[in-house]
Amino acid sequence: MTQYEQKLIFPLYNMVRGKSPAEAIRTLWRQGLLDRKSMERGYFVREVERRVREGEGRSAAMTNVALEAKCSYEKVRRAIYETKKENK
């Protein structure tokens, strides 16, 4: 980590110092400092993978995650396959 990156992080650390992890995340969320798109993508990937491990078909898992998240199947599918492409 560069010195500049450390300078960027220090004020965030001060914002969340002494708070529980949940409170720290809420604070960063309210400040608009968390990337919702990235968080959603991570959730979709983890949840679909969990469901597949438990025996649900991949397509059904993506459909059910989309229904629960109240978003399109395409949004979930894109998150799954973009993440796969990034990890190659």
C-alpha atoms as a PDB file:
ATOM      1  CA  MET A   1       0.000   0.000   0.000  1.00  0.00           C
ATOM      2  CA  THR A   2       1.345   3.392  -0.952  1.00  0.00           C
ATOM      3  CA  GLN A   3       1.683   6.315   1.447  1.00  0.00           C
ATOM      4  CA  TYR A   4      -1.040   8.118  -0.479  1.00  0.00           C
ATOM      5  CA  GLU A   5      -3.416   5.159  -0.074  1.00  0.00           C
ATOM      6  CA  GLN A   6      -2.644   5.125   3.639  1.00  0.00           C
ATOM      7  CA  LYS A   7      -3.500   8.833   3.810  1.00  0.00           C
ATOM      8  CA  LEU A   8      -6.840   8.095   2.139  1.00  0.00           C
ATOM      9  CA  ILE A   9      -7.631   5.266   4.536  1.00  0.00           C
ATOM     10  CA  PHE A  10      -6.690   6.988   7.803  1.00  0.00           C
ATOM     11  CA  PRO A  11      -9.785   9.262   7.968  1.00  0.00           C
ATOM     12  CA  LEU A  12     -11.999   6.224   7.327  1.00  0.00           C
ATOM     13  CA  TYR A  13     -10.326   4.397  10.163  1.00  0.00           C
ATOM     14  CA  ASN A  14     -11.040   7.340  12.460  1.00  0.00           C
ATOM     15  CA  MET A  15     -14.693   7.308  11.373  1.00  0.00           C
ATOM     16  CA  VAL A  16     -15.170   3.689  12.429  1.00  0.00           C
ATOM     17  CA  ARG A  17     -12.718   3.360  15.339  1.00  0.00           C
ATOM     18  CA  GLY A  18     -14.380   1.771  18.355  1.00  0.00           C
ATOM     19  CA  LYS A  19     -17.492   0.717  16.456  1.00  0.00           C
ATOM     20  CA  SER A  20     -18.688  -2.834  15.990  1.00  0.00           C
ATOM     21  CA  PRO A  21     -18.194  -4.257  12.493  1.00  0.00           C
ATOM     22  CA  ALA A  22     -21.909  -3.776  11.712  1.00  0.00           C
ATOM     23  CA  GLU A  23     -21.841  -0.157  12.928  1.00  0.00           C
ATOM     24  CA  ALA A  24     -18.662   0.512  10.946  1.00  0.00           C
ATOM     25  CA  ILE A  25     -20.243  -0.826   7.755  1.00  0.00           C
ATOM     26  CA  ARG A  26     -23.417   1.228   8.336  1.00  0.00           C
ATOM     27  CA  THR A  27     -21.287   4.352   8.846  1.00  0.00           C
ATOM     28  CA  LEU A  28     -19.339   3.784   5.633  1.00  0.00           C
ATOM     29  CA  TRP A  29     -22.593   2.985   3.782  1.00  0.00           C
ATOM     30  CA  ARG A  30     -24.263   6.219   4.937  1.00  0.00           C
ATOM     31  CA  GLN A  31     -21.202   8.183   3.796  1.00  0.00           C
ATOM     32  CA  GLY A  32     -21.502   6.619   0.340  1.00  0.00           C
ATOM     33  CA  LEU A  33     -18.078   5.025   0.653  1.00  0.00           C
ATOM     34  CA  LEU A  34     -19.053   1.450  -0.176  1.00  0.00           C
ATOM     35  CA  ASP A  35     -19.525   0.258  -3.733  1.00  0.00           C
ATOM     36  CA  ARG A  36     -23.055  -1.158  -3.874  1.00  0.00           C
ATOM     37  CA  LYS A  37     -22.553  -2.753  -7.279  1.00  0.00           C
ATOM     38  CA  SER A  38     -19.479  -4.632  -6.087  1.00  0.00           C
ATOM     39  CA  MET A  39     -21.258  -5.685  -2.897  1.00  0.00           C
ATOM     40  CA  GLU A  40     -24.259  -6.968  -4.865  1.00  0.00           C
ATOM     41  CA  ARG A  41     -22.019  -8.867  -7.264  1.00  0.00           C
ATOM     42  CA  GLY A  42     -20.233 -10.538  -4.348  1.00  0.00           C
ATOM     43  CA  TYR A  43     -23.536 -11.438  -2.693  1.00  0.00           C
ATOM     44  CA  PHE A  44     -24.948 -12.913  -5.914  1.00  0.00           C
ATOM     45  CA  VAL A  45     -21.839 -15.028  -6.478  1.00  0.00           C
ATOM     46  CA  ARG A  46     -21.664 -16.307  -2.889  1.00  0.00           C
ATOM     47  CA  GLU A  47     -25.383 -17.042  -2.692  1.00  0.00           C
ATOM     48  CA  VAL A  48     -25.565 -18.851  -6.052  1.00  0.00           C
ATOM     49  CA  GLU A  49     -22.466 -20.902  -5.166  1.00  0.00           C
ATOM     50  CA  ARG A  50     -23.955 -21.802  -1.774  1.00  0.00           C
ATOM     51  CA  ARG A  51     -27.200 -22.931  -3.364  1.00  0.00           C
ATOM     52  CA  VAL A  52     -25.394 -24.986  -6.007  1.00  0.00           C
ATOM     53  CA  ARG A  53     -23.314 -26.703  -3.286  1.00  0.00           C
ATOM     54  CA  GLU A  54     -26.572 -27.574  -1.532  1.00  0.00           C
ATOM     55  CA  GLY A  55     -27.854 -29.278  -4.688  1.00  0.00           C
ATOM     56  CA  GLU A  56     -29.846 -26.594  -6.477  1.00  0.00           C
ATOM     57  CA  GLY A  57     -29.222 -26.281 -10.211  1.00  0.00           C
ATOM     58  CA  ARG A  58     -27.218 -23.237 -11.286  1.00  0.00           C
ATOM     59  CA  SER A  59     -30.030 -21.736 -13.375  1.00  0.00           C
ATOM     60  CA  ALA A  60     -32.590 -22.301 -10.620  1.00  0.00           C
ATOM     61  CA  ALA A  61     -30.203 -20.798  -8.059  1.00  0.00           C
ATOM     62  CA  MET A  62     -29.724 -17.680 -10.198  1.00  0.00           C
ATOM     63  CA  THR A  63     -33.499 -17.403 -10.722  1.00  0.00           C
ATOM     64  CA  ASN A  64     -34.212 -17.698  -6.996  1.00  0.00           C
ATOM     65  CA  VAL A  65     -31.504 -15.202  -6.031  1.00  0.00           C
ATOM     66  CA  ALA A  66     -32.921 -12.746  -8.583  1.00  0.00           C
ATOM     67  CA  LEU A  67     -36.423 -13.178  -7.158  1.00  0.00           C
ATOM     68  CA  GLU A  68     -35.206 -12.641  -3.592  1.00  0.00           C
ATOM     69  CA  ALA A  69     -33.148  -9.591  -4.585  1.00  0.00           C
ATOM     70  CA  LYS A  70     -36.069  -8.259  -6.645  1.00  0.00           C
ATOM     71  CA  CYS A  71     -33.869  -7.852  -9.693  1.00  0.00           C
ATOM     72  CA  SER A  72     -33.600  -9.468 -13.094  1.00  0.00           C
ATOM     73  CA  TYR A  73     -32.192 -12.915 -13.745  1.00  0.00           C
ATOM     74  CA  GLU A  74     -29.896 -11.231 -16.266  1.00  0.00           C
ATOM     75  CA  LYS A  75     -28.356  -9.021 -13.557  1.00  0.00           C
ATOM     76  CA  VAL A  76     -27.503 -12.070 -11.443  1.00  0.00           C
ATOM     77  CA  ARG A  77     -26.269 -14.074 -14.448  1.00  0.00           C
ATOM     78  CA  ARG A  78     -24.059 -11.200 -15.587  1.00  0.00           C
ATOM     79  CA  ALA A  79     -22.542 -10.894 -12.082  1.00  0.00           C
ATOM     80  CA  ILE A  80     -21.785 -14.623 -12.000  1.00  0.00           C
ATOM     81  CA  TYR A  81     -20.155 -14.777 -15.417  1.00  0.00           C
ATOM     82  CA  GLU A  82     -18.283 -11.450 -15.155  1.00  0.00           C
ATOM     83  CA  THR A  83     -16.770 -12.638 -11.878  1.00  0.00           C
ATOM     84  CA  LYS A  84     -15.744 -15.928 -13.490  1.00  0.00           C
ATOM     85  CA  LYS A  85     -14.114 -14.033 -16.357  1.00  0.00           C
ATOM     86  CA  GLU A  86     -12.215 -11.744 -13.926  1.00  0.00           C
ATOM     87  CA  ASN A  87     -10.880 -14.736 -11.986  1.00  0.00           C
ATOM     88  CA  LYS A  88      -9.357 -16.454 -15.050  1.00  0.00           C
END
